[in-house]
């Protein structure tokens, strides 16, 4: 093969495949989530109870993510990932055709199954394909690619809705259709990459991974406090409008695009323990700040910093990559997604009751949870490895 031919083929790498997938996902999912509330109320006649049921249905596939390992008995991971991505994009594309309660339940279930299987498989393949030294920076690149796609998608949504005055049916069809077309192109262009290690095709829970499981659960709880209650604080207490909340999201994505890769590189330098200590120590201050803040601009600053800390959480994944048996990546990715989504049911309902009595109490409890996560992160060894998973409480 000529040098020019080699250069043409070199870009068809596992790393670029993952970057393309990470770029496609937000085109569909950001559109779905950005339009959902307006579409469900204006076109489907939803009330508060209906949207609550819909969101619960959306989380069901997250609990079932562990089932991915059983499907892998019949299909290779990369091909399964592309099928899941097709389910996600098609689910979004057809959403506008079903403006009813039952219709939205069906399209949401299709979209969500695709999304959760996709994220499970993407995590597994990333930790399999990318070596341990490059993984933190690569995970940061994937976040940056997703942030760039989200920024472009929000801009296109504004263009289609405000300037072109397109209906929700057409907006969903265009964004989901573009994402589906890109999925087909990626499936045709990229070859099937060979796994370095044959994956276990059974459900696994290993005692020596207990710290990873604990950190994953706490990460899910922390995400719920941000997504459910931090945004609600902006609206209820400080009166932020929908456009102002959208602006905050745009700022968050700009920061992710600019800094996620650098944060990943920093994790590779300082190590997982220090990175997570920094995240959880910062979250203690952020959550306490949410509880006491009285200034709308300071609250917005806390919101942006809170979101930026999410990039540090990728240290949990690189920690697992270093301690795990290479054959456990696929099965444990499914288990971890299920563990992460336990909080999606527990936190919103229970903390919502607390919110009715005292909104600051929600964030103070969140600060306590951040302290617990900080203490857990102290148990990560300086150089994690198989056989050196934790500093204390080693279970085999």
Protein backbone atom coordinates (compact mmCIF):
# COMPACT_ATOMS: atom_id res chain seq x y z
CA UNK A 1 0.00 0.00 0.00
CA UNK A 2 1.30 3.49 -0.85
CA UNK A 3 2.04 6.07 1.83
CA UNK A 4 -1.01 8.05 0.72
CA UNK A 5 -3.19 4.94 0.99
CA UNK A 6 -1.90 4.22 4.47
CA UNK A 7 -2.73 7.77 5.55
CA UNK A 8 -6.26 7.42 4.14
CA UNK A 9 -6.79 4.23 6.09
CA UNK A 10 -5.13 5.38 9.28
CA UNK A 11 -8.02 7.61 10.28
CA UNK A 12 -10.28 4.55 10.36
CA UNK A 13 -9.10 3.82 13.88
CA UNK A 14 -10.98 2.72 17.00
CA UNK A 15 -10.28 6.13 18.54
CA UNK A 16 -11.89 7.99 15.64
CA UNK A 17 -14.80 5.56 15.59
CA UNK A 18 -15.51 6.39 19.24
CA UNK A 19 -15.20 10.12 18.52
CA UNK A 20 -17.71 9.87 15.65
CA UNK A 21 -20.16 7.94 17.83
CA UNK A 22 -19.76 10.50 20.63
CA UNK A 23 -20.52 13.26 18.12
CA UNK A 24 -23.64 11.57 16.70
CA UNK A 25 -25.33 10.83 20.04
CA UNK A 26 -25.99 14.46 21.15
CA UNK A 27 -27.46 15.38 17.75
CA UNK A 28 -30.35 13.06 18.57
CA UNK A 29 -30.46 13.04 22.37
CA UNK A 30 -29.97 16.79 22.91
CA UNK A 31 -32.82 17.44 20.48
CA UNK A 32 -35.09 14.98 22.23
CA UNK A 33 -34.43 16.36 25.71
CA UNK A 34 -34.51 20.03 24.70
CA UNK A 35 -37.92 19.75 23.05
CA UNK A 36 -39.55 17.15 25.30
CA UNK A 37 -41.30 19.39 27.83
CA UNK A 38 -42.77 21.73 25.22
CA UNK A 39 -43.74 18.92 22.84
CA UNK A 40 -45.35 16.80 25.56
CA UNK A 41 -47.46 19.70 26.87
CA UNK A 42 -48.30 21.53 23.64
CA UNK A 43 -48.83 18.56 21.32
CA UNK A 44 -49.50 15.57 23.58
CA UNK A 45 -51.45 17.35 26.36
CA UNK A 46 -49.27 16.03 29.20
CA UNK A 47 -49.76 16.97 32.84
CA UNK A 48 -47.28 16.60 35.71
CA UNK A 49 -48.27 12.99 36.37
CA UNK A 50 -47.82 12.05 32.72
CA UNK A 51 -44.33 13.52 32.46
CA UNK A 52 -43.33 11.78 35.70
CA UNK A 53 -44.45 8.42 34.29
CA UNK A 54 -42.62 9.12 31.04
CA UNK A 55 -39.37 9.92 32.86
CA UNK A 56 -39.70 6.75 34.92
CA UNK A 57 -40.14 4.73 31.72
CA UNK A 58 -37.05 6.45 30.31
CA UNK A 59 -34.97 5.16 33.23
CA UNK A 60 -36.10 1.52 32.92
CA UNK A 61 -33.49 0.64 30.27
CA UNK A 62 -30.81 2.04 32.56
CA UNK A 63 -31.72 -0.60 35.15
CA UNK A 64 -31.65 -3.25 32.44
CA UNK A 65 -28.22 -2.26 31.10
CA UNK A 66 -26.75 -5.42 32.68
CA UNK A 67 -28.70 -7.46 30.10
CA UNK A 68 -26.27 -6.25 27.41
CA UNK A 69 -23.87 -9.02 28.40
CA UNK A 70 -26.45 -11.67 27.50
CA UNK A 71 -27.12 -10.12 24.09
CA UNK A 72 -23.37 -10.26 23.46
CA UNK A 73 -23.72 -14.04 23.35
CA UNK A 74 -25.29 -13.56 19.90
CA UNK A 75 -23.72 -10.39 18.49
CA UNK A 76 -20.36 -8.63 18.61
CA UNK A 77 -20.04 -5.50 20.72
CA UNK A 78 -19.27 -3.04 17.94
CA UNK A 79 -22.18 -4.24 15.82
CA UNK A 80 -24.48 -4.15 18.87
CA UNK A 81 -23.35 -0.58 19.54
CA UNK A 82 -24.34 0.48 16.02
CA UNK A 83 -27.75 -1.20 16.40
CA UNK A 84 -28.24 0.65 19.71
CA UNK A 85 -27.23 3.94 18.06
CA UNK A 86 -29.76 3.25 15.29
CA UNK A 87 -32.48 2.64 17.90
CA UNK A 88 -31.64 5.95 19.60
CA UNK A 89 -31.65 8.01 16.41
CA UNK A 90 -34.77 6.38 14.96
CA UNK A 91 -36.59 6.78 18.28
CA UNK A 92 -35.92 10.51 18.13
CA UNK A 93 -36.74 10.82 14.41
CA UNK A 94 -40.24 9.34 14.80
CA UNK A 95 -41.13 11.08 18.10
CA UNK A 96 -43.06 13.87 16.40
CA UNK A 97 -45.36 11.39 14.64
CA UNK A 98 -46.81 10.15 17.95
CA UNK A 99 -48.14 13.15 19.94
CA UNK A 100 -49.99 11.12 22.56
CA UNK A 101 -49.30 9.53 25.94
CA UNK A 102 -48.96 5.98 24.59
CA UNK A 103 -47.08 7.19 21.53
CA UNK A 104 -44.49 9.05 23.60
CA UNK A 105 -44.09 6.06 25.89
CA UNK A 106 -43.26 3.85 22.90
CA UNK A 107 -40.85 6.26 21.20
CA UNK A 108 -39.19 7.11 24.51
CA UNK A 109 -38.69 3.44 25.32
CA UNK A 110 -37.11 2.85 21.89
CA UNK A 111 -34.87 5.90 22.22
CA UNK A 112 -33.88 5.11 25.80
CA UNK A 113 -33.07 1.44 25.11
CA UNK A 114 -30.77 2.56 22.34
CA UNK A 115 -29.17 5.28 24.47
CA UNK A 116 -28.47 3.15 27.53
CA UNK A 117 -27.18 0.13 25.62
CA UNK A 118 -25.04 2.48 23.55
CA UNK A 119 -23.46 4.17 26.57
CA UNK A 120 -22.82 0.79 28.20
CA UNK A 121 -21.09 -0.57 25.10
CA UNK A 122 -19.17 2.62 24.41
CA UNK A 123 -17.68 2.53 27.91
CA UNK A 124 -16.75 -1.13 27.49
CA UNK A 125 -15.14 -0.67 24.06
CA UNK A 126 -13.27 2.47 25.12
CA UNK A 127 -11.66 0.69 28.06
CA UNK A 128 -10.85 -2.29 25.83
CA UNK A 129 -9.44 -0.42 22.83
CA UNK A 130 -7.59 2.46 24.49
CA UNK A 131 -4.47 1.72 26.51
CA UNK A 132 -4.35 2.75 30.15
CA UNK A 133 -1.90 5.63 29.65
CA UNK A 134 -4.02 7.27 26.95
CA UNK A 135 -7.48 6.52 28.39
CA UNK A 136 -7.95 9.66 30.57
CA UNK A 137 -7.16 12.05 27.72
CA UNK A 138 -9.22 9.99 25.26
CA UNK A 139 -12.25 10.02 27.55
CA UNK A 140 -11.84 13.79 27.77
CA UNK A 141 -11.80 13.98 23.96
CA UNK A 142 -15.06 12.03 23.82
CA UNK A 143 -16.67 14.53 26.20
CA UNK A 144 -15.37 17.41 24.05
CA UNK A 145 -16.77 15.83 20.88
CA UNK A 146 -20.17 15.45 22.53
CA UNK A 147 -20.08 19.02 23.80
CA UNK A 148 -19.29 20.36 20.32
CA UNK A 149 -22.18 18.37 18.84
CA UNK A 150 -24.51 19.65 21.56
CA UNK A 151 -23.54 23.27 20.85
CA UNK A 152 -24.16 22.84 17.12
CA UNK A 153 -27.44 21.04 17.79
CA UNK A 154 -28.76 23.78 20.08
CA UNK A 155 -27.88 26.37 17.46
CA UNK A 156 -29.73 24.41 14.77
CA UNK A 157 -32.74 23.95 17.06
CA UNK A 158 -32.94 27.71 17.55
CA UNK A 159 -32.69 28.22 13.78
CA UNK A 160 -35.42 25.69 13.01
CA UNK A 161 -37.82 26.76 15.77
CA UNK A 162 -37.37 30.55 15.95
CA UNK A 163 -36.41 31.51 12.40
CA UNK A 164 -37.84 28.77 10.18
CA UNK A 165 -40.84 28.17 12.49
CA UNK A 166 -40.79 24.42 11.86
CA UNK A 167 -43.16 22.15 13.76
CA UNK A 168 -41.87 19.70 16.37
CA UNK A 169 -42.56 16.84 13.94
CA UNK A 170 -40.13 18.26 11.40
CA UNK A 171 -37.49 19.22 13.97
CA UNK A 172 -37.46 15.73 15.47
CA UNK A 173 -37.47 14.16 12.00
CA UNK A 174 -34.58 16.32 10.78
CA UNK A 175 -32.31 15.93 13.82
CA UNK A 176 -33.05 12.26 14.34
CA UNK A 177 -32.84 11.61 10.59
CA UNK A 178 -29.45 13.31 10.29
CA UNK A 179 -28.14 11.33 13.26
CA UNK A 180 -29.48 8.09 11.75
CA UNK A 181 -27.89 8.86 8.37
CA UNK A 182 -24.54 9.53 10.08
CA UNK A 183 -24.93 6.22 11.91
CA UNK A 184 -25.35 4.33 8.64
CA UNK A 185 -22.36 6.13 7.11
CA UNK A 186 -20.19 5.31 10.14
CA UNK A 187 -21.28 1.66 10.02
CA UNK A 188 -20.28 1.46 6.35
CA UNK A 189 -17.00 3.34 6.63
CA UNK A 190 -15.41 1.92 9.77
CA UNK A 191 -14.19 -1.69 9.80
CA UNK A 192 -14.94 -4.19 12.56
CA UNK A 193 -12.17 -3.78 15.09
CA UNK A 194 -10.86 -6.88 16.80
CA UNK A 195 -11.05 -7.05 20.59
CA UNK A 196 -7.75 -7.68 22.34
CA UNK A 197 -9.41 -9.94 24.92
CA UNK A 198 -12.43 -12.24 24.67
CA UNK A 199 -15.09 -10.82 26.99
CA UNK A 200 -16.92 -12.77 29.69
CA UNK A 201 -20.48 -13.38 28.53
CA UNK A 202 -22.04 -13.71 31.97
CA UNK A 203 -23.12 -11.39 34.74
CA UNK A 204 -20.27 -10.71 37.16
CA UNK A 205 -20.06 -9.08 40.58
CA UNK A 206 -16.56 -9.30 41.99
CA UNK A 207 -15.77 -8.46 45.61
CA UNK A 208 -12.49 -6.82 44.63
CA UNK A 209 -14.42 -4.26 42.55
CA UNK A 210 -16.45 -3.09 45.56
CA UNK A 211 -14.90 0.39 45.62
CA UNK A 212 -15.68 0.91 41.93
CA UNK A 213 -19.29 -0.11 42.56
CA UNK A 214 -19.56 2.28 45.52
CA UNK A 215 -18.08 5.21 43.60
CA UNK A 216 -20.40 4.47 40.67
CA UNK A 217 -23.49 4.51 42.90
CA UNK A 218 -22.46 7.78 44.55
CA UNK A 219 -21.77 9.29 41.12
CA UNK A 220 -25.33 8.44 40.08
CA UNK A 221 -26.71 10.08 43.21
CA UNK A 222 -24.63 13.21 42.62
CA UNK A 223 -25.88 13.44 39.01
CA UNK A 224 -29.52 13.34 40.14
CA UNK A 225 -29.01 16.22 42.57
CA UNK A 226 -27.56 18.29 39.74
CA UNK A 227 -30.03 17.40 37.00
CA UNK A 228 -33.18 17.47 39.14
CA UNK A 229 -32.63 19.98 41.93
CA UNK A 230 -29.88 22.40 40.89
CA UNK A 231 -31.78 23.38 37.75
CA UNK A 232 -35.03 23.58 39.71
CA UNK A 233 -33.33 25.94 42.18
CA UNK A 234 -32.40 28.27 39.31
CA UNK A 235 -36.03 28.48 38.23
CA UNK A 236 -37.94 28.40 41.54
CA UNK A 237 -35.72 30.60 43.70
CA UNK A 238 -34.05 32.89 41.19
CA UNK A 239 -36.68 33.01 38.44
CA UNK A 240 -34.44 32.00 35.54
CA UNK A 241 -36.38 31.82 32.28
CA UNK A 242 -36.20 28.96 29.80
CA UNK A 243 -33.86 30.99 27.57
CA UNK A 244 -31.58 31.78 30.52
CA UNK A 245 -31.42 28.11 31.53
CA UNK A 246 -30.58 27.28 27.90
CA UNK A 247 -27.79 29.86 28.04
CA UNK A 248 -26.39 28.17 31.14
CA UNK A 249 -26.38 24.85 29.29
CA UNK A 250 -24.58 26.45 26.37
CA UNK A 251 -21.93 27.84 28.74
CA UNK A 252 -21.55 24.38 30.26
CA UNK A 253 -21.02 22.80 26.85
CA UNK A 254 -18.50 25.48 25.85
CA UNK A 255 -16.50 24.75 29.00
CA UNK A 256 -16.69 21.00 28.30
CA UNK A 257 -15.53 21.53 24.73
CA UNK A 258 -12.61 23.71 25.80
CA UNK A 259 -11.44 21.91 28.93
CA UNK A 260 -12.59 18.26 28.99
CA UNK A 261 -9.56 17.01 27.05
CA UNK A 262 -7.22 18.99 29.33
CA UNK A 263 -8.99 17.64 32.40
CA UNK A 264 -8.55 14.11 31.08
CA UNK A 265 -4.86 14.75 30.51
CA UNK A 266 -4.57 16.16 34.05
CA UNK A 267 -6.13 13.00 35.50
CA UNK A 268 -3.47 10.99 33.69
CA UNK A 269 -0.82 13.09 35.43
CA UNK A 270 -2.15 13.44 38.99
CA UNK A 271 -3.91 10.06 39.21
CA UNK A 272 -7.45 8.97 39.95
CA UNK A 273 -7.34 9.43 43.71
CA UNK A 274 -6.33 13.09 43.59
CA UNK A 275 -8.71 13.83 40.73
CA UNK A 276 -11.70 12.41 42.60
CA UNK A 277 -10.63 14.05 45.85
CA UNK A 278 -10.62 17.36 43.95
CA UNK A 279 -14.08 16.68 42.50
CA UNK A 280 -15.73 15.64 45.76
CA UNK A 281 -13.98 18.29 47.83
CA UNK A 282 -15.19 20.89 45.35
CA UNK A 283 -18.70 19.45 45.40
CA UNK A 284 -18.93 19.86 49.16
CA UNK A 285 -18.39 23.59 48.64
CA UNK A 286 -20.75 23.73 45.65
CA UNK A 287 -23.60 21.94 47.44
CA UNK A 288 -23.23 24.06 50.56
CA UNK A 289 -23.17 27.07 48.25
CA UNK A 290 -26.47 25.99 46.69
CA UNK A 291 -27.95 25.82 50.18
CA UNK A 292 -26.98 29.35 51.24
CA UNK A 293 -26.74 31.34 47.98
CA UNK A 294 -28.97 34.39 47.67
CA UNK A 295 -27.47 35.95 44.54
CA UNK A 296 -28.68 34.74 41.13
CA UNK A 297 -25.32 35.33 39.43
CA UNK A 298 -23.40 33.42 42.09
CA UNK A 299 -25.93 30.59 41.78
CA UNK A 300 -25.31 30.49 38.03
CA UNK A 301 -21.56 30.33 38.68
CA UNK A 302 -22.07 27.39 41.04
CA UNK A 303 -24.18 25.68 38.37
CA UNK A 304 -21.43 25.99 35.76
CA UNK A 305 -18.69 24.83 38.16
CA UNK A 306 -20.88 21.92 39.25
CA UNK A 307 -21.25 20.78 35.64
CA UNK A 308 -17.53 21.18 34.95
CA UNK A 309 -16.73 18.77 37.80
CA UNK A 310 -18.49 16.03 35.82
CA UNK A 311 -15.42 15.72 33.61
CA UNK A 312 -13.35 14.69 36.64
CA UNK A 313 -15.72 11.77 37.21
CA UNK A 314 -14.18 9.96 34.24
CA UNK A 315 -11.42 9.05 36.73
CA UNK A 316 -13.82 6.37 38.04
CA UNK A 317 -13.70 4.67 34.63
CA UNK A 318 -9.92 4.84 34.31
CA UNK A 319 -9.56 3.53 37.87
CA UNK A 320 -11.65 0.51 36.92
CA UNK A 321 -9.66 -0.01 33.72
CA UNK A 322 -6.47 -0.27 35.79
CA UNK A 323 -7.76 -2.75 38.37
CA UNK A 324 -10.01 -4.94 36.22
CA UNK A 325 -9.45 -8.17 34.41
CA UNK A 326 -9.53 -7.16 30.69
CA UNK A 327 -12.19 -9.83 30.09
CA UNK A 328 -14.57 -8.12 32.58
CA UNK A 329 -15.04 -4.82 30.73
CA UNK A 330 -18.31 -5.65 28.95
CA UNK A 331 -20.09 -7.41 31.81
CA UNK A 332 -19.03 -4.84 34.41
CA UNK A 333 -20.04 -1.91 32.17
CA UNK A 334 -23.61 -3.23 32.21
CA UNK A 335 -23.57 -3.83 35.95
CA UNK A 336 -22.18 -0.35 36.63
CA UNK A 337 -24.91 1.33 34.56
CA UNK A 338 -27.53 -0.56 36.54
CA UNK A 339 -25.92 0.48 39.84
CA UNK A 340 -25.68 4.07 38.65
CA UNK A 341 -29.39 4.15 37.83
CA UNK A 342 -30.52 2.94 41.25
CA UNK A 343 -30.14 6.55 42.36
CA UNK A 344 -32.35 7.70 39.47
CA UNK A 345 -35.35 6.19 41.26
CA UNK A 346 -34.37 6.78 44.89
CA UNK A 347 -33.14 10.38 44.79
CA UNK A 348 -35.82 12.35 42.84
CA UNK A 349 -38.80 10.94 44.75
CA UNK A 350 -37.33 10.93 48.27
CA UNK A 351 -35.45 14.22 47.98
CA UNK A 352 -38.50 15.81 46.36
CA UNK A 353 -40.36 15.29 49.64
CA UNK A 354 -37.46 16.88 51.52
CA UNK A 355 -37.54 19.81 49.08
CA UNK A 356 -41.16 20.51 50.01
CA UNK A 357 -40.04 21.10 53.61
CA UNK A 358 -36.61 22.68 53.11
CA UNK A 359 -34.87 23.13 49.73
CA UNK A 360 -31.46 23.90 51.34
CA UNK A 361 -31.65 20.55 53.19
CA UNK A 362 -31.49 18.73 49.85
CA UNK A 363 -28.14 20.33 49.07
CA UNK A 364 -26.78 19.90 52.60
CA UNK A 365 -27.53 16.17 52.33
CA UNK A 366 -25.81 16.29 48.96
CA UNK A 367 -22.77 17.82 50.67
CA UNK A 368 -22.76 14.95 53.17
CA UNK A 369 -22.89 12.52 50.25
CA UNK A 370 -19.95 14.35 48.66
CA UNK A 371 -18.00 13.93 51.93
CA UNK A 372 -18.77 10.20 51.85
CA UNK A 373 -17.55 10.06 48.24
CA UNK A 374 -14.41 11.96 49.25
CA UNK A 375 -13.70 9.36 51.94
CA UNK A 376 -14.23 6.56 49.44
CA UNK A 377 -11.81 8.19 47.01
CA UNK A 378 -9.12 8.19 49.71
CA UNK A 379 -9.16 4.41 49.45
CA UNK A 380 -7.90 4.44 45.85
CA UNK A 381 -4.21 3.41 45.70
CA UNK A 382 -1.63 5.75 44.27
CA UNK A 383 -1.01 3.24 41.48
CA UNK A 384 -4.19 1.15 41.01
CA UNK A 385 -3.66 -2.26 39.48
CA UNK A 386 -5.06 -5.78 39.54
CA UNK A 387 -4.24 -7.04 43.04
CA UNK A 388 -3.87 -3.46 44.27
CA UNK A 389 -7.46 -2.28 44.01
CA UNK A 390 -7.77 -0.48 47.35
CA UNK A 391 -5.58 0.73 50.19
CA UNK A 392 -7.71 -0.90 52.90
CA UNK A 393 -10.56 -3.44 53.06
CA UNK A 394 -9.18 -5.65 50.33
CA UNK A 395 -11.76 -8.35 49.47
CA UNK A 396 -11.01 -11.15 47.06
